[in-house]
Amino acid sequence: MPMELPQADQEIDAQGLNCPLPILRTKKALAQMQSGQVLAVLTTDAHAGRDFQAFCQQTGNILLAQQPRDDAVLVHYVRRR
């Protein structure tokens, strides 16, 4: 049975952007969101998985899931603290 993905309140497309741009866009988007809301971020950067894990550890936001799609896109679900 496939994992149930979080319902995103907002989505940002950071495909084609390399570190640190996806993280910077995420930071900016989270700043506009309410605590507990979920942001989905679409990335194609090979290091994004690790970057988002480190970002969430450092900022206290919660990385709910990282879901690969079949088109080389990794979707990160981040809950704002």
N, C-alpha and C. Protein backbone atom coordinates (compact mmCIF):
# COMPACT_ATOMS: atom_id res chain seq x y z
N MET A 1 0.84 -1.20 0.00
CA MET A 1 0.00 0.00 0.00
C MET A 1 0.88 1.25 0.00
N PRO A 2 0.65 2.22 -0.90
CA PRO A 2 1.51 3.41 -0.94
C PRO A 2 1.33 4.27 0.30
N MET A 3 2.41 4.94 0.66
CA MET A 3 2.37 5.81 1.83
C MET A 3 1.45 7.00 1.55
N GLU A 4 0.66 7.35 2.55
CA GLU A 4 -0.24 8.51 2.43
C GLU A 4 0.61 9.78 2.55
N LEU A 5 0.60 10.60 1.52
CA LEU A 5 1.41 11.82 1.56
C LEU A 5 0.65 12.94 2.26
N PRO A 6 1.40 13.82 2.91
CA PRO A 6 0.74 14.94 3.60
C PRO A 6 0.01 15.85 2.60
N GLN A 7 -1.04 16.48 3.09
CA GLN A 7 -1.77 17.45 2.27
C GLN A 7 -1.03 18.78 2.37
N ALA A 8 -0.58 19.29 1.23
CA ALA A 8 0.19 20.54 1.25
C ALA A 8 -0.74 21.75 1.18
N ASP A 9 -0.44 22.74 2.01
CA ASP A 9 -1.18 24.01 1.99
C ASP A 9 -0.65 24.90 0.87
N GLN A 10 0.61 24.69 0.52
CA GLN A 10 1.24 25.51 -0.51
C GLN A 10 2.31 24.66 -1.19
N GLU A 11 2.59 24.97 -2.46
CA GLU A 11 3.63 24.24 -3.19
C GLU A 11 4.53 25.24 -3.88
N ILE A 12 5.84 24.99 -3.84
CA ILE A 12 6.75 25.81 -4.63
C ILE A 12 7.56 24.91 -5.55
N ASP A 13 7.82 25.41 -6.72
CA ASP A 13 8.54 24.67 -7.75
C ASP A 13 9.97 25.18 -7.80
N ALA A 14 10.91 24.36 -7.31
CA ALA A 14 12.32 24.74 -7.33
C ALA A 14 13.09 23.82 -8.28
N GLN A 15 12.38 23.26 -9.27
CA GLN A 15 13.03 22.39 -10.25
C GLN A 15 14.04 23.18 -11.08
N GLY A 16 15.19 22.57 -11.31
CA GLY A 16 16.22 23.22 -12.12
C GLY A 16 17.09 24.16 -11.31
N LEU A 17 16.77 24.37 -10.04
CA LEU A 17 17.58 25.25 -9.20
C LEU A 17 18.54 24.41 -8.36
N ASN A 18 19.75 24.93 -8.20
CA ASN A 18 20.73 24.22 -7.38
C ASN A 18 20.87 24.89 -6.03
N CYS A 19 21.41 24.12 -5.10
CA CYS A 19 21.64 24.60 -3.74
C CYS A 19 22.41 25.92 -3.79
N PRO A 20 22.08 26.91 -3.00
CA PRO A 20 21.11 26.89 -1.91
C PRO A 20 19.74 27.45 -2.29
N LEU A 21 19.47 27.65 -3.57
CA LEU A 21 18.22 28.31 -3.96
C LEU A 21 16.94 27.60 -3.50
N PRO A 22 16.84 26.26 -3.63
CA PRO A 22 15.60 25.62 -3.14
C PRO A 22 15.36 25.88 -1.65
N ILE A 23 16.43 25.85 -0.86
CA ILE A 23 16.31 26.09 0.58
C ILE A 23 15.91 27.56 0.84
N LEU A 24 16.51 28.47 0.12
CA LEU A 24 16.19 29.90 0.31
C LEU A 24 14.73 30.17 -0.04
N ARG A 25 14.25 29.57 -1.12
CA ARG A 25 12.83 29.75 -1.49
C ARG A 25 11.92 29.12 -0.45
N THR A 26 12.35 27.99 0.09
CA THR A 26 11.57 27.30 1.14
C THR A 26 11.48 28.17 2.37
N LYS A 27 12.62 28.73 2.77
CA LYS A 27 12.68 29.60 3.95
C LYS A 27 11.73 30.79 3.80
N LYS A 28 11.77 31.40 2.61
CA LYS A 28 10.93 32.56 2.32
C LYS A 28 9.43 32.19 2.37
N ALA A 29 9.09 31.04 1.77
CA ALA A 29 7.69 30.60 1.73
C ALA A 29 7.20 30.26 3.14
N LEU A 30 8.04 29.57 3.92
CA LEU A 30 7.64 29.18 5.28
C LEU A 30 7.39 30.41 6.15
N ALA A 31 8.16 31.47 5.91
CA ALA A 31 8.02 32.70 6.70
C ALA A 31 6.63 33.32 6.53
N GLN A 32 5.98 33.05 5.39
CA GLN A 32 4.65 33.61 5.11
C GLN A 32 3.52 32.69 5.59
N MET A 33 3.88 31.50 6.06
CA MET A 33 2.87 30.51 6.42
C MET A 33 2.61 30.47 7.92
N GLN A 34 1.47 29.90 8.28
CA GLN A 34 1.10 29.75 9.69
C GLN A 34 1.77 28.50 10.25
N SER A 35 1.98 28.49 11.56
CA SER A 35 2.54 27.32 12.22
C SER A 35 1.64 26.11 11.97
N GLY A 36 2.25 24.98 11.61
CA GLY A 36 1.49 23.76 11.37
C GLY A 36 1.10 23.55 9.91
N GLN A 37 1.21 24.59 9.08
CA GLN A 37 0.90 24.42 7.66
C GLN A 37 2.01 23.64 6.97
N VAL A 38 1.66 23.00 5.86
CA VAL A 38 2.62 22.15 5.15
C VAL A 38 2.97 22.75 3.79
N LEU A 39 4.26 22.77 3.51
CA LEU A 39 4.78 23.27 2.23
C LEU A 39 5.35 22.09 1.45
N ALA A 40 4.98 21.95 0.19
CA ALA A 40 5.57 20.95 -0.69
C ALA A 40 6.55 21.68 -1.61
N VAL A 41 7.76 21.14 -1.70
CA VAL A 41 8.79 21.76 -2.54
C VAL A 41 9.27 20.74 -3.57
N LEU A 42 9.17 21.11 -4.85
CA LEU A 42 9.62 20.23 -5.93
C LEU A 42 11.05 20.59 -6.30
N THR A 43 11.95 19.60 -6.24
CA THR A 43 13.36 19.86 -6.55
C THR A 43 13.90 18.81 -7.52
N THR A 44 14.97 19.21 -8.23
CA THR A 44 15.68 18.28 -9.11
C THR A 44 17.16 18.23 -8.74
N ASP A 45 17.60 19.05 -7.80
CA ASP A 45 19.00 19.06 -7.37
C ASP A 45 19.33 17.74 -6.67
N ALA A 46 20.42 17.12 -7.08
CA ALA A 46 20.81 15.81 -6.54
C ALA A 46 21.05 15.84 -5.03
N HIS A 47 21.42 16.99 -4.48
CA HIS A 47 21.74 17.09 -3.05
C HIS A 47 20.57 17.58 -2.21
N ALA A 48 19.44 17.83 -2.85
CA ALA A 48 18.31 18.44 -2.14
C ALA A 48 17.81 17.60 -0.97
N GLY A 49 17.81 16.29 -1.12
CA GLY A 49 17.33 15.42 -0.04
C GLY A 49 18.08 15.68 1.25
N ARG A 50 19.39 15.68 1.16
CA ARG A 50 20.25 15.94 2.31
C ARG A 50 20.09 17.37 2.80
N ASP A 51 20.02 18.30 1.87
CA ASP A 51 19.90 19.72 2.22
C ASP A 51 18.63 19.98 3.04
N PHE A 52 17.51 19.38 2.63
CA PHE A 52 16.25 19.60 3.34
C PHE A 52 16.28 18.95 4.72
N GLN A 53 16.94 17.79 4.83
CA GLN A 53 17.06 17.15 6.14
C GLN A 53 17.84 18.05 7.09
N ALA A 54 18.96 18.59 6.61
CA ALA A 54 19.79 19.47 7.44
C ALA A 54 19.05 20.76 7.78
N PHE A 55 18.36 21.34 6.79
CA PHE A 55 17.61 22.57 7.00
C PHE A 55 16.56 22.39 8.10
N CYS A 56 15.83 21.30 8.05
CA CYS A 56 14.78 21.08 9.04
C CYS A 56 15.36 20.82 10.43
N GLN A 57 16.47 20.11 10.50
CA GLN A 57 17.12 19.89 11.80
C GLN A 57 17.56 21.22 12.40
N GLN A 58 18.11 22.10 11.56
CA GLN A 58 18.64 23.37 12.05
C GLN A 58 17.54 24.37 12.41
N THR A 59 16.40 24.30 11.72
CA THR A 59 15.37 25.33 11.91
C THR A 59 14.22 24.89 12.79
N GLY A 60 14.11 23.59 13.06
CA GLY A 60 13.01 23.11 13.89
C GLY A 60 11.73 22.88 13.12
N ASN A 61 11.75 23.10 11.80
CA ASN A 61 10.61 22.73 10.97
C ASN A 61 10.64 21.21 10.81
N ILE A 62 9.51 20.62 10.48
CA ILE A 62 9.43 19.16 10.45
C ILE A 62 9.37 18.66 9.01
N LEU A 63 10.31 17.79 8.66
CA LEU A 63 10.32 17.17 7.35
C LEU A 63 9.42 15.94 7.43
N LEU A 64 8.21 16.07 6.87
CA LEU A 64 7.22 15.00 6.97
C LEU A 64 7.51 13.85 6.03
N ALA A 65 7.97 14.16 4.82
CA ALA A 65 8.22 13.13 3.81
C ALA A 65 9.08 13.70 2.69
N GLN A 66 9.78 12.81 2.02
CA GLN A 66 10.51 13.15 0.79
C GLN A 66 10.10 12.08 -0.21
N GLN A 67 9.37 12.49 -1.22
CA GLN A 67 8.76 11.53 -2.14
C GLN A 67 9.35 11.69 -3.54
N PRO A 68 10.09 10.68 -4.03
CA PRO A 68 10.57 10.77 -5.41
C PRO A 68 9.41 10.56 -6.39
N ARG A 69 9.44 11.31 -7.47
CA ARG A 69 8.46 11.10 -8.54
C ARG A 69 9.21 10.45 -9.69
N ASP A 70 8.50 9.93 -10.65
CA ASP A 70 9.16 9.18 -11.72
C ASP A 70 9.87 10.06 -12.75
N ASP A 71 9.82 11.38 -12.57
CA ASP A 71 10.45 12.28 -13.55
C ASP A 71 11.68 12.98 -12.96
N ALA A 72 12.42 12.29 -12.09
CA ALA A 72 13.65 12.82 -11.47
C ALA A 72 13.37 14.00 -10.53
N VAL A 73 12.13 14.13 -10.11
CA VAL A 73 11.76 15.19 -9.18
C VAL A 73 11.61 14.59 -7.79
N LEU A 74 12.14 15.29 -6.79
CA LEU A 74 11.95 14.88 -5.41
C LEU A 74 11.06 15.93 -4.75
N VAL A 75 9.97 15.47 -4.12
CA VAL A 75 9.04 16.39 -3.47
C VAL A 75 9.27 16.29 -1.96
N HIS A 76 9.53 17.45 -1.35
CA HIS A 76 9.78 17.53 0.10
C HIS A 76 8.54 18.14 0.75
N TYR A 77 8.07 17.52 1.81
CA TYR A 77 6.92 18.03 2.56
C TYR A 77 7.42 18.55 3.91
N VAL A 78 7.32 19.85 4.10
CA VAL A 78 7.85 20.48 5.31
C VAL A 78 6.71 21.13 6.10
N ARG A 79 6.58 20.76 7.37
CA ARG A 79 5.57 21.40 8.23
C ARG A 79 6.24 22.54 8.98
N ARG A 80 5.62 23.72 8.89
CA ARG A 80 6.19 24.88 9.58
C ARG A 80 6.04 24.71 11.08
N ARG A 81 7.10 25.05 11.80
CA ARG A 81 7.09 24.91 13.26
C ARG A 81 6.20 25.96 13.90
